[in-house]
C-alpha cells in the first residue's frame, strides 16, 4: 500500500483473502501498469544502505512470502503475495 500511495496518482486498493487452506493472499491494485523491479524470481534485490529511508518493502515481501507476483488488471496492476502454509 505504501508504494501505491507514494508512486501512483490514481486510486489504489488492498485485498486480503484466503488463497487455500493455511494460505493468506494479500494484494494491492493501483492504476499504474508499471510492475516494480524485483518481482521476478530470477532477480535478486540488493539490500538498501543502512541509512536509506526506503527500498526494504519488496525484499521483505520476498523473504516472508511463499509466493508472489504481479500482473495487469483493470487498466493497472495487481501486486500480490501469499503467506503461510
N, C-alpha and C. Protein backbone atom coordinates (compact mmCIF):
# COMPACT_ATOMS: atom_id res chain seq x y z
N UNK A 1 0.82 -1.18 0.00
CA UNK A 1 0.00 0.00 0.00
C UNK A 1 0.87 1.25 0.00
N UNK A 2 1.97 1.21 0.71
CA UNK A 2 2.82 2.39 0.79
C UNK A 2 3.34 2.77 -0.60
N UNK A 3 3.79 1.80 -1.38
CA UNK A 3 4.28 2.12 -2.73
C UNK A 3 3.18 2.66 -3.60
N UNK A 4 1.99 2.10 -3.53
CA UNK A 4 0.87 2.60 -4.32
C UNK A 4 0.55 4.04 -3.92
N UNK A 5 0.58 4.32 -2.63
CA UNK A 5 0.30 5.67 -2.15
C UNK A 5 1.37 6.67 -2.60
N UNK A 6 2.62 6.26 -2.51
CA UNK A 6 3.71 7.17 -2.83
C UNK A 6 3.96 7.35 -4.33
N UNK A 7 3.72 6.30 -5.13
CA UNK A 7 4.18 6.31 -6.51
C UNK A 7 3.10 6.33 -7.57
N UNK A 8 1.84 6.38 -7.20
CA UNK A 8 0.77 6.45 -8.20
C UNK A 8 -0.12 7.65 -7.92
N UNK A 9 -0.79 8.12 -8.95
CA UNK A 9 -1.65 9.28 -8.79
C UNK A 9 -3.13 8.92 -8.76
N UNK A 10 -3.46 7.71 -9.15
CA UNK A 10 -4.85 7.29 -9.18
C UNK A 10 -5.24 6.54 -7.93
N UNK A 11 -6.42 5.95 -7.96
CA UNK A 11 -6.86 5.16 -6.81
C UNK A 11 -6.06 3.87 -6.65
N UNK A 12 -6.12 3.30 -5.47
CA UNK A 12 -5.49 2.02 -5.19
C UNK A 12 -6.34 1.31 -4.15
N UNK A 13 -6.17 -0.01 -4.06
CA UNK A 13 -6.99 -0.79 -3.14
C UNK A 13 -6.21 -1.98 -2.60
N UNK A 14 -6.58 -2.40 -1.41
CA UNK A 14 -6.00 -3.57 -0.75
C UNK A 14 -7.02 -4.69 -0.75
N UNK A 15 -6.57 -5.90 -1.04
CA UNK A 15 -7.44 -7.07 -0.98
C UNK A 15 -6.73 -8.15 -0.19
N UNK A 16 -7.41 -8.71 0.79
CA UNK A 16 -6.89 -9.79 1.62
C UNK A 16 -7.89 -10.92 1.57
N UNK A 17 -7.42 -12.13 1.25
CA UNK A 17 -8.33 -13.28 1.19
C UNK A 17 -7.57 -14.56 1.46
N UNK A 18 -8.33 -15.60 1.81
CA UNK A 18 -7.74 -16.92 1.95
C UNK A 18 -7.51 -17.48 0.55
N UNK A 19 -6.28 -17.89 0.25
CA UNK A 19 -5.97 -18.45 -1.06
C UNK A 19 -6.34 -19.92 -1.12
N UNK A 20 -6.04 -20.63 -0.08
CA UNK A 20 -6.41 -22.04 0.12
C UNK A 20 -6.11 -22.32 1.58
N UNK A 21 -6.37 -23.53 2.03
CA UNK A 21 -6.18 -23.86 3.44
C UNK A 21 -4.78 -23.46 3.92
N UNK A 22 -4.72 -22.61 4.92
CA UNK A 22 -3.44 -22.23 5.50
C UNK A 22 -2.69 -21.13 4.79
N UNK A 23 -3.23 -20.61 3.68
CA UNK A 23 -2.55 -19.54 2.94
C UNK A 23 -3.39 -18.27 2.92
N UNK A 24 -2.73 -17.16 3.12
CA UNK A 24 -3.37 -15.85 3.05
C UNK A 24 -2.77 -15.11 1.87
N UNK A 25 -3.62 -14.57 0.99
CA UNK A 25 -3.13 -13.79 -0.14
C UNK A 25 -3.45 -12.31 0.11
N UNK A 26 -2.43 -11.49 0.03
CA UNK A 26 -2.56 -10.04 0.18
C UNK A 26 -2.19 -9.42 -1.16
N UNK A 27 -3.07 -8.60 -1.69
CA UNK A 27 -2.82 -7.97 -2.97
C UNK A 27 -3.10 -6.48 -2.92
N UNK A 28 -2.34 -5.73 -3.69
CA UNK A 28 -2.57 -4.29 -3.83
C UNK A 28 -2.75 -3.99 -5.30
N UNK A 29 -3.84 -3.32 -5.64
CA UNK A 29 -4.12 -2.90 -7.00
C UNK A 29 -3.93 -1.40 -7.08
N UNK A 30 -3.35 -0.92 -8.19
CA UNK A 30 -3.31 0.52 -8.45
C UNK A 30 -3.42 0.75 -9.95
N UNK A 31 -3.54 2.00 -10.34
CA UNK A 31 -3.80 2.35 -11.74
C UNK A 31 -2.55 2.46 -12.60
N UNK A 32 -1.37 2.29 -12.02
CA UNK A 32 -0.12 2.37 -12.78
C UNK A 32 0.22 0.97 -13.31
N UNK A 33 0.33 0.79 -14.63
CA UNK A 33 0.60 -0.54 -15.16
C UNK A 33 2.05 -1.01 -14.99
N UNK A 34 2.96 -0.14 -14.57
CA UNK A 34 4.37 -0.49 -14.41
C UNK A 34 4.54 -1.44 -13.23
N UNK A 35 5.20 -2.58 -13.47
CA UNK A 35 5.47 -3.57 -12.42
C UNK A 35 6.83 -3.26 -11.80
N UNK A 36 6.90 -3.16 -10.47
CA UNK A 36 8.16 -2.80 -9.82
C UNK A 36 9.28 -3.79 -10.09
N UNK A 37 10.48 -3.26 -10.19
CA UNK A 37 11.69 -4.08 -10.33
C UNK A 37 11.79 -4.99 -9.11
N UNK A 38 12.12 -6.23 -9.33
CA UNK A 38 12.32 -7.13 -8.20
C UNK A 38 11.23 -8.14 -7.99
N UNK A 39 10.22 -8.17 -8.86
CA UNK A 39 9.15 -9.13 -8.69
C UNK A 39 9.32 -10.39 -9.53
N UNK A 40 10.41 -10.50 -10.26
CA UNK A 40 10.66 -11.73 -11.00
C UNK A 40 11.53 -12.65 -10.15
N UNK A 41 11.29 -13.94 -10.25
CA UNK A 41 12.03 -14.91 -9.44
C UNK A 41 13.54 -14.84 -9.67
N UNK A 42 13.94 -14.51 -10.88
CA UNK A 42 15.36 -14.53 -11.21
C UNK A 42 16.13 -13.33 -10.65
N UNK A 43 15.43 -12.27 -10.31
CA UNK A 43 16.12 -11.06 -9.88
C UNK A 43 16.41 -11.09 -8.39
N UNK A 44 17.62 -10.74 -8.01
CA UNK A 44 18.00 -10.63 -6.61
C UNK A 44 18.12 -9.15 -6.29
N UNK A 45 17.45 -8.74 -5.23
CA UNK A 45 17.50 -7.34 -4.84
C UNK A 45 18.59 -7.12 -3.80
N UNK A 46 19.40 -6.10 -4.01
CA UNK A 46 20.41 -5.74 -3.03
C UNK A 46 19.73 -5.04 -1.85
N UNK A 47 20.28 -5.24 -0.67
CA UNK A 47 19.78 -4.54 0.50
C UNK A 47 20.10 -3.06 0.35
N UNK A 48 19.17 -2.20 0.76
CA UNK A 48 19.45 -0.76 0.68
C UNK A 48 20.50 -0.37 1.72
N UNK A 49 21.13 0.77 1.53
CA UNK A 49 22.09 1.24 2.55
C UNK A 49 21.40 1.39 3.90
N UNK A 50 22.14 1.24 4.98
CA UNK A 50 21.57 1.31 6.33
C UNK A 50 20.83 2.62 6.59
N UNK A 51 21.27 3.71 6.00
CA UNK A 51 20.64 5.00 6.26
C UNK A 51 19.52 5.33 5.27
N UNK A 52 19.17 4.40 4.39
CA UNK A 52 18.12 4.64 3.41
C UNK A 52 16.75 4.61 4.07
N UNK A 53 15.87 5.49 3.64
CA UNK A 53 14.51 5.54 4.17
C UNK A 53 13.54 4.69 3.37
N UNK A 54 14.00 4.05 2.30
CA UNK A 54 13.12 3.20 1.51
C UNK A 54 13.92 2.08 0.87
N UNK A 55 13.22 1.20 0.15
CA UNK A 55 13.88 0.12 -0.55
C UNK A 55 13.85 -1.22 0.15
N UNK A 56 13.13 -1.32 1.27
CA UNK A 56 13.09 -2.57 2.01
C UNK A 56 11.81 -3.38 1.79
N UNK A 57 10.78 -2.77 1.28
CA UNK A 57 9.47 -3.41 1.17
C UNK A 57 9.45 -4.69 0.36
N UNK A 58 9.85 -4.63 -0.91
CA UNK A 58 9.81 -5.83 -1.74
C UNK A 58 10.78 -6.91 -1.27
N UNK A 59 12.00 -6.57 -0.82
CA UNK A 59 12.85 -7.63 -0.27
C UNK A 59 12.22 -8.31 0.95
N UNK A 60 11.52 -7.57 1.79
CA UNK A 60 10.85 -8.18 2.94
C UNK A 60 9.71 -9.08 2.50
N UNK A 61 8.94 -8.63 1.52
CA UNK A 61 7.85 -9.46 1.00
C UNK A 61 8.42 -10.75 0.44
N UNK A 62 9.47 -10.64 -0.36
CA UNK A 62 10.07 -11.84 -0.97
C UNK A 62 10.63 -12.78 0.09
N UNK A 63 11.17 -12.25 1.18
CA UNK A 63 11.74 -13.09 2.23
C UNK A 63 10.66 -13.82 3.04
N UNK A 64 9.50 -13.20 3.18
CA UNK A 64 8.44 -13.76 4.03
C UNK A 64 7.38 -14.54 3.27
N UNK A 65 7.22 -14.30 2.00
CA UNK A 65 6.13 -14.90 1.23
C UNK A 65 6.53 -16.25 0.66
N UNK A 66 5.55 -17.12 0.55
CA UNK A 66 5.78 -18.41 -0.10
C UNK A 66 5.62 -18.29 -1.61
N UNK A 67 4.91 -17.27 -2.06
CA UNK A 67 4.74 -16.97 -3.49
C UNK A 67 4.41 -15.50 -3.62
N UNK A 68 4.76 -14.91 -4.75
CA UNK A 68 4.45 -13.51 -5.03
C UNK A 68 4.39 -13.31 -6.52
N UNK A 69 3.85 -12.18 -6.92
CA UNK A 69 3.80 -11.88 -8.34
C UNK A 69 3.08 -10.59 -8.61
N UNK A 70 2.92 -10.29 -9.88
CA UNK A 70 2.23 -9.09 -10.32
C UNK A 70 1.69 -9.32 -11.71
N UNK A 71 0.67 -8.58 -12.06
CA UNK A 71 0.12 -8.70 -13.39
C UNK A 71 -0.84 -7.57 -13.70
N UNK A 72 -1.11 -7.40 -14.97
CA UNK A 72 -2.02 -6.36 -15.43
C UNK A 72 -3.45 -6.71 -15.01
N UNK A 73 -4.14 -5.73 -14.44
CA UNK A 73 -5.53 -5.91 -14.01
C UNK A 73 -6.25 -4.58 -14.14
N UNK A 74 -7.35 -4.56 -14.85
CA UNK A 74 -8.23 -3.40 -14.88
C UNK A 74 -7.58 -2.07 -15.20
N UNK A 75 -6.71 -2.02 -16.19
CA UNK A 75 -6.06 -0.77 -16.55
C UNK A 75 -4.89 -0.40 -15.67
N UNK A 76 -4.54 -1.24 -14.74
CA UNK A 76 -3.41 -1.00 -13.86
C UNK A 76 -2.70 -2.32 -13.60
N UNK A 77 -2.31 -2.53 -12.34
CA UNK A 77 -1.64 -3.79 -12.00
C UNK A 77 -2.07 -4.21 -10.60
N UNK A 78 -1.86 -5.48 -10.33
CA UNK A 78 -2.04 -6.03 -9.01
C UNK A 78 -0.74 -6.69 -8.60
N UNK A 79 -0.25 -6.36 -7.42
CA UNK A 79 0.94 -6.97 -6.84
C UNK A 79 0.46 -7.77 -5.65
N UNK A 80 0.86 -9.04 -5.57
CA UNK A 80 0.33 -9.90 -4.52
C UNK A 80 1.41 -10.76 -3.90
N UNK A 81 1.12 -11.25 -2.70
CA UNK A 81 2.00 -12.20 -2.01
C UNK A 81 1.14 -13.15 -1.21
N UNK A 82 1.57 -14.40 -1.14
CA UNK A 82 0.90 -15.41 -0.33
C UNK A 82 1.81 -15.78 0.84
N UNK A 83 1.20 -15.88 2.00
CA UNK A 83 1.95 -16.22 3.21
C UNK A 83 1.26 -17.37 3.93
N UNK A 84 2.05 -18.18 4.57
CA UNK A 84 1.51 -19.30 5.35
C UNK A 84 1.93 -20.61 4.76
N UNK A 85 1.24 -21.64 5.18
CA UNK A 85 1.47 -22.97 4.62
C UNK A 85 2.50 -23.67 5.31
